[in-house]
Amino acid sequence: MLRKRADFLAAARARRQATKGMVVQARRRPEGHTALGVRIGYTCSKKIGNAVARNRAKRRLRAVARELMPALGVEGWDYVLIGRREDTIARSYDALLNDLKYAMKKLHADRSTPRA
């Protein structure tokens, strides 16, 4: 799990994919980094609402990530899931699952082939 501000800032400078229910930021950790596996961080700004609303949004993001990231996360990458105003809380769980699947597919799409 990501805890340090520097890790969140590094992810913010890397790849990003927005969906209706969340924003997913992803970055490959530099060579020689000691952490193993996939690391995930969660954040929600005060635009989401009060502390109760922000915590609920983060709980929903954690639940979605817990279900999908073991299969979709890439070893050696850091991910930050950011809640979006009203949509993270109001969207159905299945819609959030689809949002994360879509974002992960786009983030790890082969960028070397040009679009037709």
PDB file of N, CA and C in Angstrom:
ATOM      1  N   MET A   1       0.844  -1.178   0.000  1.00  0.00           N
ATOM      2  CA  MET A   1       0.000   0.000   0.000  1.00  0.00           C
ATOM      3  C   MET A   1       0.890   1.241   0.000  1.00  0.00           C
ATOM      4  N   LEU A   2       0.493   2.227  -0.783  1.00  0.00           N
ATOM      5  CA  LEU A   2       1.241   3.483  -0.821  1.00  0.00           C
ATOM      6  C   LEU A   2       0.888   4.319   0.396  1.00  0.00           C
ATOM      7  N   ARG A   3       1.900   4.863   1.040  1.00  0.00           N
ATOM      8  CA  ARG A   3       1.662   5.696   2.213  1.00  0.00           C
ATOM      9  C   ARG A   3       2.395   7.035   2.138  1.00  0.00           C
ATOM     10  N   LYS A   4       3.522   7.073   1.444  1.00  0.00           N
ATOM     11  CA  LYS A   4       4.350   8.283   1.432  1.00  0.00           C
ATOM     12  C   LYS A   4       3.894   9.261   0.358  1.00  0.00           C
ATOM     13  N   ARG A   5       3.927  10.525   0.707  1.00  0.00           N
ATOM     14  CA  ARG A   5       3.523  11.583  -0.220  1.00  0.00           C
ATOM     15  C   ARG A   5       4.341  11.536  -1.506  1.00  0.00           C
ATOM     16  N   ALA A   6       5.619  11.239  -1.392  1.00  0.00           N
ATOM     17  CA  ALA A   6       6.485  11.191  -2.577  1.00  0.00           C
ATOM     18  C   ALA A   6       5.997  10.136  -3.572  1.00  0.00           C
ATOM     19  N   ASP A   7       5.499   9.009  -3.079  1.00  0.00           N
ATOM     20  CA  ASP A   7       4.984   7.968  -3.969  1.00  0.00           C
ATOM     21  C   ASP A   7       3.719   8.436  -4.690  1.00  0.00           C
ATOM     22  N   PHE A   8       2.844   9.138  -3.965  1.00  0.00           N
ATOM     23  CA  PHE A   8       1.628   9.667  -4.581  1.00  0.00           C
ATOM     24  C   PHE A   8       1.979  10.714  -5.640  1.00  0.00           C
ATOM     25  N   LEU A   9       2.951  11.575  -5.337  1.00  0.00           N
ATOM     26  CA  LEU A   9       3.354  12.607  -6.297  1.00  0.00           C
ATOM     27  C   LEU A   9       4.006  11.993  -7.534  1.00  0.00           C
ATOM     28  N   ALA A  10       4.791  10.945  -7.340  1.00  0.00           N
ATOM     29  CA  ALA A  10       5.419  10.276  -8.481  1.00  0.00           C
ATOM     30  C   ALA A  10       4.354   9.647  -9.383  1.00  0.00           C
ATOM     31  N   ALA A  11       3.337   9.058  -8.783  1.00  0.00           N
ATOM     32  CA  ALA A  11       2.251   8.469  -9.570  1.00  0.00           C
ATOM     33  C   ALA A  11       1.476   9.550 -10.317  1.00  0.00           C
ATOM     34  N   ALA A  12       1.347  10.718  -9.708  1.00  0.00           N
ATOM     35  CA  ALA A  12       0.614  11.821 -10.351  1.00  0.00           C
ATOM     36  C   ALA A  12       1.337  12.312 -11.601  1.00  0.00           C
ATOM     37  N   ARG A  13       2.647  12.135 -11.661  1.00  0.00           N
ATOM     38  CA  ARG A  13       3.416  12.568 -12.830  1.00  0.00           C
ATOM     39  C   ARG A  13       3.439  11.512 -13.938  1.00  0.00           C
ATOM     40  N   ALA A  14       2.899  10.345 -13.673  1.00  0.00           N
ATOM     41  CA  ALA A  14       2.968   9.243 -14.638  1.00  0.00           C
ATOM     42  C   ALA A  14       1.645   9.105 -15.399  1.00  0.00           C
ATOM     43  N   ARG A  15       1.349   7.907 -15.830  1.00  0.00           N
ATOM     44  CA  ARG A  15       0.143   7.649 -16.623  1.00  0.00           C
ATOM     45  C   ARG A  15      -1.125   7.869 -15.799  1.00  0.00           C
ATOM     46  N   ARG A  16      -2.182   8.275 -16.517  1.00  0.00           N
ATOM     47  CA  ARG A  16      -3.456   8.544 -15.843  1.00  0.00           C
ATOM     48  C   ARG A  16      -4.593   8.147 -16.777  1.00  0.00           C
ATOM     49  N   GLN A  17      -5.629   7.546 -16.199  1.00  0.00           N
ATOM     50  CA  GLN A  17      -6.819   7.216 -16.976  1.00  0.00           C
ATOM     51  C   GLN A  17      -8.048   7.558 -16.142  1.00  0.00           C
ATOM     52  N   ALA A  18      -8.898   8.411 -16.679  1.00  0.00           N
ATOM     53  CA  ALA A  18     -10.111   8.817 -15.972  1.00  0.00           C
ATOM     54  C   ALA A  18     -11.295   7.997 -16.461  1.00  0.00           C
ATOM     55  N   THR A  19     -12.160   7.644 -15.532  1.00  0.00           N
ATOM     56  CA  THR A  19     -13.436   7.012 -15.850  1.00  0.00           C
ATOM     57  C   THR A  19     -14.511   7.788 -15.104  1.00  0.00           C
ATOM     58  N   LYS A  20     -15.748   7.405 -15.294  1.00  0.00           N
ATOM     59  CA  LYS A  20     -16.834   8.130 -14.642  1.00  0.00           C
ATOM     60  C   LYS A  20     -16.757   7.998 -13.123  1.00  0.00           C
ATOM     61  N   GLY A  21     -16.346   6.853 -12.626  1.00  0.00           N
ATOM     62  CA  GLY A  21     -16.361   6.612 -11.191  1.00  0.00           C
ATOM     63  C   GLY A  21     -15.059   6.879 -10.459  1.00  0.00           C
ATOM     64  N   MET A  22     -13.936   6.995 -11.196  1.00  0.00           N
ATOM     65  CA  MET A  22     -12.647   7.167 -10.525  1.00  0.00           C
ATOM     66  C   MET A  22     -11.596   7.633 -11.523  1.00  0.00           C
ATOM     67  N   VAL A  23     -10.465   8.036 -10.994  1.00  0.00           N
ATOM     68  CA  VAL A  23      -9.277   8.303 -11.805  1.00  0.00           C
ATOM     69  C   VAL A  23      -8.214   7.323 -11.322  1.00  0.00           C
ATOM     70  N   VAL A  24      -7.533   6.683 -12.252  1.00  0.00           N
ATOM     71  CA  VAL A  24      -6.472   5.739 -11.893  1.00  0.00           C
ATOM     72  C   VAL A  24      -5.151   6.286 -12.427  1.00  0.00           C
ATOM     73  N   GLN A  25      -4.182   6.426 -11.535  1.00  0.00           N
ATOM     74  CA  GLN A  25      -2.831   6.833 -11.917  1.00  0.00           C
ATOM     75  C   GLN A  25      -1.931   5.617 -11.758  1.00  0.00           C
ATOM     76  N   ALA A  26      -0.989   5.460 -12.673  1.00  0.00           N
ATOM     77  CA  ALA A  26      -0.110   4.289 -12.616  1.00  0.00           C
ATOM     78  C   ALA A  26       1.299   4.677 -13.020  1.00  0.00           C
ATOM     79  N   ARG A  27       2.263   4.073 -12.346  1.00  0.00           N
ATOM     80  CA  ARG A  27       3.662   4.283 -12.728  1.00  0.00           C
ATOM     81  C   ARG A  27       4.453   3.022 -12.442  1.00  0.00           C
ATOM     82  N   ARG A  28       5.434   2.794 -13.298  1.00  0.00           N
ATOM     83  CA  ARG A  28       6.358   1.684 -13.079  1.00  0.00           C
ATOM     84  C   ARG A  28       7.396   2.157 -12.070  1.00  0.00           C
ATOM     85  N   ARG A  29       7.664   1.335 -11.058  1.00  0.00           N
ATOM     86  CA  ARG A  29       8.679   1.704 -10.077  1.00  0.00           C
ATOM     87  C   ARG A  29      10.053   1.631 -10.724  1.00  0.00           C
ATOM     88  N   PRO A  30      10.965   2.504 -10.303  1.00  0.00           N
ATOM     89  CA  PRO A  30      12.309   2.488 -10.892  1.00  0.00           C
ATOM     90  C   PRO A  30      13.061   1.205 -10.543  1.00  0.00           C
ATOM     91  N   GLU A  31      14.012   0.877 -11.391  1.00  0.00           N
ATOM     92  CA  GLU A  31      14.849  -0.305 -11.148  1.00  0.00           C
ATOM     93  C   GLU A  31      15.556  -0.171  -9.804  1.00  0.00           C
ATOM     94  N   GLY A  32      15.704  -1.279  -9.120  1.00  0.00           N
ATOM     95  CA  GLY A  32      16.395  -1.263  -7.844  1.00  0.00           C
ATOM     96  C   GLY A  32      15.502  -0.929  -6.665  1.00  0.00           C
ATOM     97  N   HIS A  33      14.227  -0.690  -6.915  1.00  0.00           N
ATOM     98  CA  HIS A  33      13.298  -0.404  -5.820  1.00  0.00           C
ATOM     99  C   HIS A  33      13.059  -1.695  -5.054  1.00  0.00           C
ATOM    100  N   THR A  34      13.039  -1.626  -3.738  1.00  0.00           N
ATOM    101  CA  THR A  34      12.994  -2.839  -2.925  1.00  0.00           C
ATOM    102  C   THR A  34      11.596  -3.418  -2.755  1.00  0.00           C
ATOM    103  N   ALA A  35      10.539  -2.629  -2.948  1.00  0.00           N
ATOM    104  CA  ALA A  35       9.180  -3.129  -2.746  1.00  0.00           C
ATOM    105  C   ALA A  35       8.829  -4.159  -3.817  1.00  0.00           C
ATOM    106  N   LEU A  36       8.140  -5.193  -3.402  1.00  0.00           N
ATOM    107  CA  LEU A  36       7.721  -6.250  -4.314  1.00  0.00           C
ATOM    108  C   LEU A  36       6.223  -6.152  -4.564  1.00  0.00           C
ATOM    109  N   GLY A  37       5.781  -6.719  -5.659  1.00  0.00           N
ATOM    110  CA  GLY A  37       4.356  -6.791  -5.940  1.00  0.00           C
ATOM    111  C   GLY A  37       3.779  -5.481  -6.432  1.00  0.00           C
ATOM    112  N   VAL A  38       2.463  -5.402  -6.331  1.00  0.00           N
ATOM    113  CA  VAL A  38       1.701  -4.230  -6.749  1.00  0.00           C
ATOM    114  C   VAL A  38       1.388  -3.405  -5.513  1.00  0.00           C
ATOM    115  N   ARG A  39       1.647  -2.104  -5.591  1.00  0.00           N
ATOM    116  CA  ARG A  39       1.298  -1.218  -4.473  1.00  0.00           C
ATOM    117  C   ARG A  39       0.161  -0.307  -4.923  1.00  0.00           C
ATOM    118  N   ILE A  40      -0.807  -0.105  -4.030  1.00  0.00           N
ATOM    119  CA  ILE A  40      -1.983   0.687  -4.364  1.00  0.00           C
ATOM    120  C   ILE A  40      -2.206   1.730  -3.286  1.00  0.00           C
ATOM    121  N   GLY A  41      -2.556   2.939  -3.708  1.00  0.00           N
ATOM    122  CA  GLY A  41      -2.930   4.014  -2.796  1.00  0.00           C
ATOM    123  C   GLY A  41      -4.316   4.516  -3.156  1.00  0.00           C
ATOM    124  N   TYR A  42      -4.997   5.095  -2.183  1.00  0.00           N
ATOM    125  CA  TYR A  42      -6.360   5.590  -2.371  1.00  0.00           C
ATOM    126  C   TYR A  42      -6.428   7.006  -1.837  1.00  0.00           C
ATOM    127  N   THR A  43      -7.123   7.870  -2.562  1.00  0.00           N
ATOM    128  CA  THR A  43      -7.266   9.231  -2.084  1.00  0.00           C
ATOM    129  C   THR A  43      -8.570   9.829  -2.593  1.00  0.00           C
ATOM    130  N   CYS A  44      -9.094  10.752  -1.813  1.00  0.00           N
ATOM    131  CA  CYS A  44     -10.297  11.500  -2.167  1.00  0.00           C
ATOM    132  C   CYS A  44     -10.117  12.911  -1.638  1.00  0.00           C
ATOM    133  N   SER A  45     -10.382  13.887  -2.473  1.00  0.00           N
ATOM    134  CA  SER A  45     -10.240  15.272  -2.030  1.00  0.00           C
ATOM    135  C   SER A  45     -11.483  15.710  -1.265  1.00  0.00           C
ATOM    136  N   LYS A  46     -11.419  16.876  -0.697  1.00  0.00           N
ATOM    137  CA  LYS A  46     -12.561  17.403   0.047  1.00  0.00           C
ATOM    138  C   LYS A  46     -13.730  17.756  -0.859  1.00  0.00           C
ATOM    139  N   LYS A  47     -13.505  17.754  -2.171  1.00  0.00           N
ATOM    140  CA  LYS A  47     -14.605  17.971  -3.112  1.00  0.00           C
ATOM    141  C   LYS A  47     -15.640  16.853  -3.010  1.00  0.00           C
ATOM    142  N   ILE A  48     -15.206  15.681  -2.562  1.00  0.00           N
ATOM    143  CA  ILE A  48     -16.104  14.535  -2.421  1.00  0.00           C
ATOM    144  C   ILE A  48     -17.159  14.818  -1.359  1.00  0.00           C
ATOM    145  N   GLY A  49     -16.756  15.484  -0.299  1.00  0.00           N
ATOM    146  CA  GLY A  49     -17.679  15.767   0.799  1.00  0.00           C
ATOM    147  C   GLY A  49     -16.947  15.744   2.121  1.00  0.00           C
ATOM    148  N   ASN A  50     -17.722  15.523   3.170  1.00  0.00           N
ATOM    149  CA  ASN A  50     -17.122  15.494   4.505  1.00  0.00           C
ATOM    150  C   ASN A  50     -16.348  14.187   4.711  1.00  0.00           C
ATOM    151  N   ALA A  51     -15.791  14.017   5.887  1.00  0.00           N
ATOM    152  CA  ALA A  51     -14.941  12.850   6.162  1.00  0.00           C
ATOM    153  C   ALA A  51     -15.703  11.541   5.976  1.00  0.00           C
ATOM    154  N   VAL A  52     -16.971  11.527   6.343  1.00  0.00           N
ATOM    155  CA  VAL A  52     -17.775  10.311   6.197  1.00  0.00           C
ATOM    156  C   VAL A  52     -17.883   9.930   4.715  1.00  0.00           C
ATOM    157  N   ALA A  53     -18.161  10.896   3.866  1.00  0.00           N
ATOM    158  CA  ALA A  53     -18.293  10.636   2.427  1.00  0.00           C
ATOM    159  C   ALA A  53     -16.953  10.216   1.824  1.00  0.00           C
ATOM    160  N   ARG A  54     -15.872  10.885   2.220  1.00  0.00           N
ATOM    161  CA  ARG A  54     -14.551  10.530   1.686  1.00  0.00           C
ATOM    162  C   ARG A  54     -14.161   9.117   2.101  1.00  0.00           C
ATOM    163  N   ASN A  55     -14.405   8.772   3.349  1.00  0.00           N
ATOM    164  CA  ASN A  55     -14.062   7.426   3.820  1.00  0.00           C
ATOM    165  C   ASN A  55     -14.901   6.364   3.116  1.00  0.00           C
ATOM    166  N   ARG A  56     -16.181   6.664   2.872  1.00  0.00           N
ATOM    167  CA  ARG A  56     -17.031   5.709   2.166  1.00  0.00           C
ATOM    168  C   ARG A  56     -16.521   5.503   0.741  1.00  0.00           C
ATOM    169  N   ALA A  57     -16.153   6.588   0.080  1.00  0.00           N
ATOM    170  CA  ALA A  57     -15.622   6.480  -1.282  1.00  0.00           C
ATOM    171  C   ALA A  57     -14.344   5.640  -1.294  1.00  0.00           C
ATOM    172  N   LYS A  58     -13.454   5.867  -0.334  1.00  0.00           N
ATOM    173  CA  LYS A  58     -12.204   5.090  -0.279  1.00  0.00           C
ATOM    174  C   LYS A  58     -12.480   3.620   0.029  1.00  0.00           C
ATOM    175  N   ARG A  59     -13.464   3.338   0.875  1.00  0.00           N
ATOM    176  CA  ARG A  59     -13.830   1.939   1.154  1.00  0.00           C
ATOM    177  C   ARG A  59     -14.310   1.246  -0.113  1.00  0.00           C
ATOM    178  N   ARG A  60     -15.104   1.953  -0.906  1.00  0.00           N
ATOM    179  CA  ARG A  60     -15.605   1.374  -2.158  1.00  0.00           C
ATOM    180  C   ARG A  60     -14.450   1.132  -3.134  1.00  0.00           C
ATOM    181  N   LEU A  61     -13.520   2.074  -3.216  1.00  0.00           N
ATOM    182  CA  LEU A  61     -12.360   1.893  -4.096  1.00  0.00           C
ATOM    183  C   LEU A  61     -11.512   0.711  -3.638  1.00  0.00           C
ATOM    184  N   ARG A  62     -11.316   0.582  -2.323  1.00  0.00           N
ATOM    185  CA  ARG A  62     -10.537  -0.548  -1.795  1.00  0.00           C
ATOM    186  C   ARG A  62     -11.206  -1.877  -2.122  1.00  0.00           C
ATOM    187  N   ALA A  63     -12.538  -1.933  -2.009  1.00  0.00           N
ATOM    188  CA  ALA A  63     -13.258  -3.176  -2.289  1.00  0.00           C
ATOM    189  C   ALA A  63     -13.110  -3.576  -3.760  1.00  0.00           C
ATOM    190  N   VAL A  64     -13.228  -2.609  -4.649  1.00  0.00           N
ATOM    191  CA  VAL A  64     -13.077  -2.880  -6.083  1.00  0.00           C
ATOM    192  C   VAL A  64     -11.646  -3.336  -6.377  1.00  0.00           C
ATOM    193  N   ALA A  65     -10.669  -2.641  -5.815  1.00  0.00           N
ATOM    194  CA  ALA A  65      -9.267  -2.995  -6.053  1.00  0.00           C
ATOM    195  C   ALA A  65      -8.944  -4.372  -5.476  1.00  0.00           C
ATOM    196  N   ARG A  66      -9.480  -4.685  -4.315  1.00  0.00           N
ATOM    197  CA  ARG A  66      -9.223  -5.983  -3.693  1.00  0.00           C
ATOM    198  C   ARG A  66      -9.702  -7.114  -4.599  1.00  0.00           C
ATOM    199  N   GLU A  67     -10.792  -6.872  -5.307  1.00  0.00           N
ATOM    200  CA  GLU A  67     -11.344  -7.904  -6.174  1.00  0.00           C
ATOM    201  C   GLU A  67     -10.582  -8.037  -7.496  1.00  0.00           C
ATOM    202  N   LEU A  68     -10.168  -6.913  -8.078  1.00  0.00           N
ATOM    203  CA  LEU A  68      -9.613  -6.954  -9.432  1.00  0.00           C
ATOM    204  C   LEU A  68      -8.096  -6.868  -9.536  1.00  0.00           C
ATOM    205  N   MET A  69      -7.453  -6.177  -8.623  1.00  0.00           N
ATOM    206  CA  MET A  69      -6.020  -5.912  -8.793  1.00  0.00           C
ATOM    207  C   MET A  69      -5.132  -7.154  -8.739  1.00  0.00           C
ATOM    208  N   PRO A  70      -5.483  -8.210  -8.002  1.00  0.00           N
ATOM    209  CA  PRO A  70      -4.619  -9.397  -8.089  1.00  0.00           C
ATOM    210  C   PRO A  70      -4.507  -9.935  -9.521  1.00  0.00           C
ATOM    211  N   ALA A  71      -5.559  -9.783 -10.310  1.00  0.00           N
ATOM    212  CA  ALA A  71      -5.528 -10.274 -11.685  1.00  0.00           C
ATOM    213  C   ALA A  71      -5.048  -9.215 -12.675  1.00  0.00           C
ATOM    214  N   LEU A  72      -5.387  -7.948 -12.433  1.00  0.00           N
ATOM    215  CA  LEU A  72      -5.104  -6.899 -13.411  1.00  0.00           C
ATOM    216  C   LEU A  72      -3.833  -6.102 -13.123  1.00  0.00           C
ATOM    217  N   GLY A  73      -3.410  -6.064 -11.866  1.00  0.00           N
ATOM    218  CA  GLY A  73      -2.222  -5.294 -11.508  1.00  0.00           C
ATOM    219  C   GLY A  73      -0.961  -5.929 -12.069  1.00  0.00           C
ATOM    220  N   VAL A  74      -0.022  -5.093 -12.467  1.00  0.00           N
ATOM    221  CA  VAL A  74       1.236  -5.577 -13.046  1.00  0.00           C
ATOM    222  C   VAL A  74       2.335  -5.466 -11.993  1.00  0.00           C
ATOM    223  N   GLU A  75       3.076  -6.532 -11.831  1.00  0.00           N
ATOM    224  CA  GLU A  75       4.186  -6.581 -10.870  1.00  0.00           C
ATOM    225  C   GLU A  75       5.151  -5.421 -11.105  1.00  0.00           C
ATOM    226  N   GLY A  76       5.530  -4.732 -10.029  1.00  0.00           N
ATOM    227  CA  GLY A  76       6.484  -3.638 -10.143  1.00  0.00           C
ATOM    228  C   GLY A  76       5.855  -2.293 -10.472  1.00  0.00           C
ATOM    229  N   TRP A  77       4.545  -2.189 -10.381  1.00  0.00           N
ATOM    230  CA  TRP A  77       3.845  -0.937 -10.663  1.00  0.00           C
ATOM    231  C   TRP A  77       3.160  -0.423  -9.406  1.00  0.00           C
ATOM    232  N   ASP A  78       3.024   0.902  -9.327  1.00  0.00           N
ATOM    233  CA  ASP A  78       2.254   1.570  -8.276  1.00  0.00           C
ATOM    234  C   ASP A  78       0.993   2.141  -8.907  1.00  0.00           C
ATOM    235  N   TYR A  79      -0.107   2.055  -8.187  1.00  0.00           N
ATOM    236  CA  TYR A  79      -1.382   2.587  -8.663  1.00  0.00           C
ATOM    237  C   TYR A  79      -1.985   3.475  -7.590  1.00  0.00           C
ATOM    238  N   VAL A  80      -2.623   4.559  -8.014  1.00  0.00           N
ATOM    239  CA  VAL A  80      -3.376   5.421  -7.112  1.00  0.00           C
ATOM    240  C   VAL A  80      -4.788   5.520  -7.666  1.00  0.00           C
ATOM    241  N   LEU A  81      -5.777   5.168  -6.838  1.00  0.00           N
ATOM    242  CA  LEU A  81      -7.176   5.289  -7.211  1.00  0.00           C
ATOM    243  C   LEU A  81      -7.730   6.530  -6.535  1.00  0.00           C
ATOM    244  N   ILE A  82      -8.289   7.429  -7.330  1.00  0.00           N
ATOM    245  CA  ILE A  82      -8.792   8.698  -6.828  1.00  0.00           C
ATOM    246  C   ILE A  82     -10.302   8.730  -7.001  1.00  0.00           C
ATOM    247  N   GLY A  83     -11.006   8.983  -5.901  1.00  0.00           N
ATOM    248  CA  GLY A  83     -12.459   9.074  -5.953  1.00  0.00           C
ATOM    249  C   GLY A  83     -12.909  10.341  -6.650  1.00  0.00           C
ATOM    250  N   ARG A  84     -14.047  10.252  -7.322  1.00  0.00           N
ATOM    251  CA  ARG A  84     -14.614  11.408  -8.013  1.00  0.00           C
ATOM    252  C   ARG A  84     -15.881  11.856  -7.294  1.00  0.00           C
ATOM    253  N   ARG A  85     -16.117  13.159  -7.367  1.00  0.00           N
ATOM    254  CA  ARG A  85     -17.257  13.763  -6.687  1.00  0.00           C
ATOM    255  C   ARG A  85     -18.550  13.015  -7.027  1.00  0.00           C
ATOM    256  N   GLU A  86     -19.280  12.625  -6.037  1.00  0.00           N
ATOM    257  CA  GLU A  86     -20.585  11.966  -6.112  1.00  0.00           C
ATOM    258  C   GLU A  86     -20.569  10.641  -6.868  1.00  0.00           C
ATOM    259  N   ASP A  87     -19.825  10.535  -7.958  1.00  0.00           N
ATOM    260  CA  ASP A  87     -19.896   9.335  -8.780  1.00  0.00           C
ATOM    261  C   ASP A  87     -19.322   8.100  -8.100  1.00  0.00           C
ATOM    262  N   THR A  88     -18.265   8.239  -7.340  1.00  0.00           N
ATOM    263  CA  THR A  88     -17.670   7.073  -6.680  1.00  0.00           C
ATOM    264  C   THR A  88     -18.650   6.481  -5.674  1.00  0.00           C
ATOM    265  N   ILE A  89     -19.386   7.321  -4.991  1.00  0.00           N
ATOM    266  CA  ILE A  89     -20.337   6.846  -3.984  1.00  0.00           C
ATOM    267  C   ILE A  89     -21.640   6.392  -4.637  1.00  0.00           C
ATOM    268  N   ALA A  90     -22.103   7.113  -5.654  1.00  0.00           N
ATOM    269  CA  ALA A  90     -23.422   6.858  -6.232  1.00  0.00           C
ATOM    270  C   ALA A  90     -23.432   5.709  -7.247  1.00  0.00           C
ATOM    271  N   ARG A  91     -22.316   5.452  -7.904  1.00  0.00           N
ATOM    272  CA  ARG A  91     -22.297   4.399  -8.927  1.00  0.00           C
ATOM    273  C   ARG A  91     -22.453   3.024  -8.305  1.00  0.00           C
ATOM    274  N   SER A  92     -23.043   2.124  -9.074  1.00  0.00           N
ATOM    275  CA  SER A  92     -23.198   0.757  -8.593  1.00  0.00           C
ATOM    276  C   SER A  92     -21.821   0.090  -8.501  1.00  0.00           C
ATOM    277  N   TYR A  93     -21.764  -0.943  -7.692  1.00  0.00           N
ATOM    278  CA  TYR A  93     -20.508  -1.669  -7.510  1.00  0.00           C
ATOM    279  C   TYR A  93     -20.040  -2.268  -8.839  1.00  0.00           C
ATOM    280  N   ASP A  94     -20.977  -2.827  -9.608  1.00  0.00           N
ATOM    281  CA  ASP A  94     -20.617  -3.411 -10.905  1.00  0.00           C
ATOM    282  C   ASP A  94     -20.064  -2.362 -11.861  1.00  0.00           C
ATOM    283  N   ALA A  95     -20.628  -1.154 -11.821  1.00  0.00           N
ATOM    284  CA  ALA A  95     -20.128  -0.077 -12.682  1.00  0.00           C
ATOM    285  C   ALA A  95     -18.711   0.311 -12.276  1.00  0.00           C
ATOM    286  N   LEU A  96     -18.432   0.344 -10.970  1.00  0.00           N
ATOM    287  CA  LEU A  96     -17.071   0.648 -10.509  1.00  0.00           C
ATOM    288  C   LEU A  96     -16.091  -0.443 -10.943  1.00  0.00           C
ATOM    289  N   LEU A  97     -16.526  -1.700 -10.881  1.00  0.00           N
ATOM    290  CA  LEU A  97     -15.674  -2.799 -11.356  1.00  0.00           C
ATOM    291  C   LEU A  97     -15.339  -2.605 -12.835  1.00  0.00           C
ATOM    292  N   ASN A  98     -16.354  -2.280 -13.627  1.00  0.00           N
ATOM    293  CA  ASN A  98     -16.125  -2.064 -15.062  1.00  0.00           C
ATOM    294  C   ASN A  98     -15.228  -0.862 -15.307  1.00  0.00           C
ATOM    295  N   ASP A  99     -15.381   0.190 -14.488  1.00  0.00           N
ATOM    296  CA  ASP A  99     -14.522   1.368 -14.618  1.00  0.00           C
ATOM    297  C   ASP A  99     -13.057   0.998 -14.399  1.00  0.00           C
ATOM    298  N   LEU A 100     -12.786   0.212 -13.353  1.00  0.00           N
ATOM    299  CA  LEU A 100     -11.399  -0.159 -13.065  1.00  0.00           C
ATOM    300  C   LEU A 100     -10.842  -1.083 -14.150  1.00  0.00           C
ATOM    301  N   LYS A 101     -11.649  -2.020 -14.632  1.00  0.00           N
ATOM    302  CA  LYS A 101     -11.194  -2.897 -15.723  1.00  0.00           C
ATOM    303  C   LYS A 101     -10.819  -2.075 -16.952  1.00  0.00           C
ATOM    304  N   TYR A 102     -11.680  -1.122 -17.306  1.00  0.00           N
ATOM    305  CA  TYR A 102     -11.434  -0.274 -18.473  1.00  0.00           C
ATOM    306  C   TYR A 102     -10.150   0.538 -18.286  1.00  0.00           C
ATOM    307  N   ALA A 103     -10.000   1.146 -17.109  1.00  0.00           N
ATOM    308  CA  ALA A 103      -8.823   1.979 -16.845  1.00  0.00           C
ATOM    309  C   ALA A 103      -7.540   1.152 -16.916  1.00  0.00           C
ATOM    310  N   MET A 104      -7.544  -0.031 -16.337  1.00  0.00           N
ATOM    311  CA  MET A 104      -6.341  -0.869 -16.351  1.00  0.00           C
ATOM    312  C   MET A 104      -6.009  -1.311 -17.775  1.00  0.00           C
ATOM    313  N   LYS A 105      -7.027  -1.622 -18.552  1.00  0.00           N
ATOM    314  CA  LYS A 105      -6.797  -2.012 -19.943  1.00  0.00           C
ATOM    315  C   LYS A 105      -6.155  -0.863 -20.719  1.00  0.00           C
ATOM    316  N   LYS A 106      -6.649   0.345 -20.519  1.00  0.00           N
ATOM    317  CA  LYS A 106      -6.112   1.505 -21.222  1.00  0.00           C
ATOM    318  C   LYS A 106      -4.706   1.858 -20.739  1.00  0.00           C
ATOM    319  N   LEU A 107      -4.463   1.754 -19.443  1.00  0.00           N
ATOM    320  CA  LEU A 107      -3.153   2.104 -18.893  1.00  0.00           C
ATOM    321  C   LEU A 107      -2.054   1.177 -19.402  1.00  0.00           C
ATOM    322  N   HIS A 108      -2.384  -0.088 -19.593  1.00  0.00           N
ATOM    323  CA  HIS A 108      -1.368  -1.064 -19.992  1.00  0.00           C
ATOM    324  C   HIS A 108      -1.483  -1.463 -21.459  1.00  0.00           C
ATOM    325  N   ALA A 109      -2.223  -0.675 -22.232  1.00  0.00           N
ATOM    326  CA  ALA A 109      -2.309  -0.943 -23.671  1.00  0.00           C
ATOM    327  C   ALA A 109      -0.937  -0.704 -24.294  1.00  0.00           C
ATOM    328  N   ASP A 110      -0.645  -1.450 -25.319  1.00  0.00           N
ATOM    329  CA  ASP A 110       0.636  -1.301 -26.014  1.00  0.00           C
ATOM    330  C   ASP A 110       0.670   0.062 -26.688  1.00  0.00           C
ATOM    331  N   ARG A 111       1.555   0.928 -26.244  1.00  0.00           N
ATOM    332  CA  ARG A 111       1.624   2.289 -26.770  1.00  0.00           C
ATOM    333  C   ARG A 111       2.587   2.408 -27.949  1.00  0.00           C
ATOM    334  N   SER A 112       3.213   1.310 -28.330  1.00  0.00           N
ATOM    335  CA  SER A 112       4.199   1.391 -29.408  1.00  0.00           C
ATOM    336  C   SER A 112       3.553   1.326 -30.790  1.00  0.00           C
ATOM    337  N   THR A 113       2.339   0.785 -30.878  1.00  0.00           N
ATOM    338  CA  THR A 113       1.693   0.691 -32.180  1.00  0.00           C
ATOM    339  C   THR A 113       0.888   1.953 -32.444  1.00  0.00           C
ATOM    340  N   PRO A 114       1.071   2.573 -33.607  1.00  0.00           N
ATOM    341  CA  PRO A 114       0.322   3.797 -33.912  1.00  0.00           C
ATOM    342  C   PRO A 114      -1.144   3.488 -34.177  1.00  0.00           C
ATOM    343  N   ARG A 115      -1.972   4.480 -33.931  1.00  0.00           N
ATOM    344  CA  ARG A 115      -3.399   4.320 -34.204  1.00  0.00           C
ATOM    345  C   ARG A 115      -3.638   4.360 -35.703  1.00  0.00           C
ATOM    346  N   ALA A 116      -4.609   3.599 -36.154  1.00  0.00           N
ATOM    347  CA  ALA A 116      -4.940   3.567 -37.592  1.00  0.00           C
ATOM    348  C   ALA A 116      -5.848   4.717 -37.965  1.00  0.00           C
TER     349      ALA A 116
END
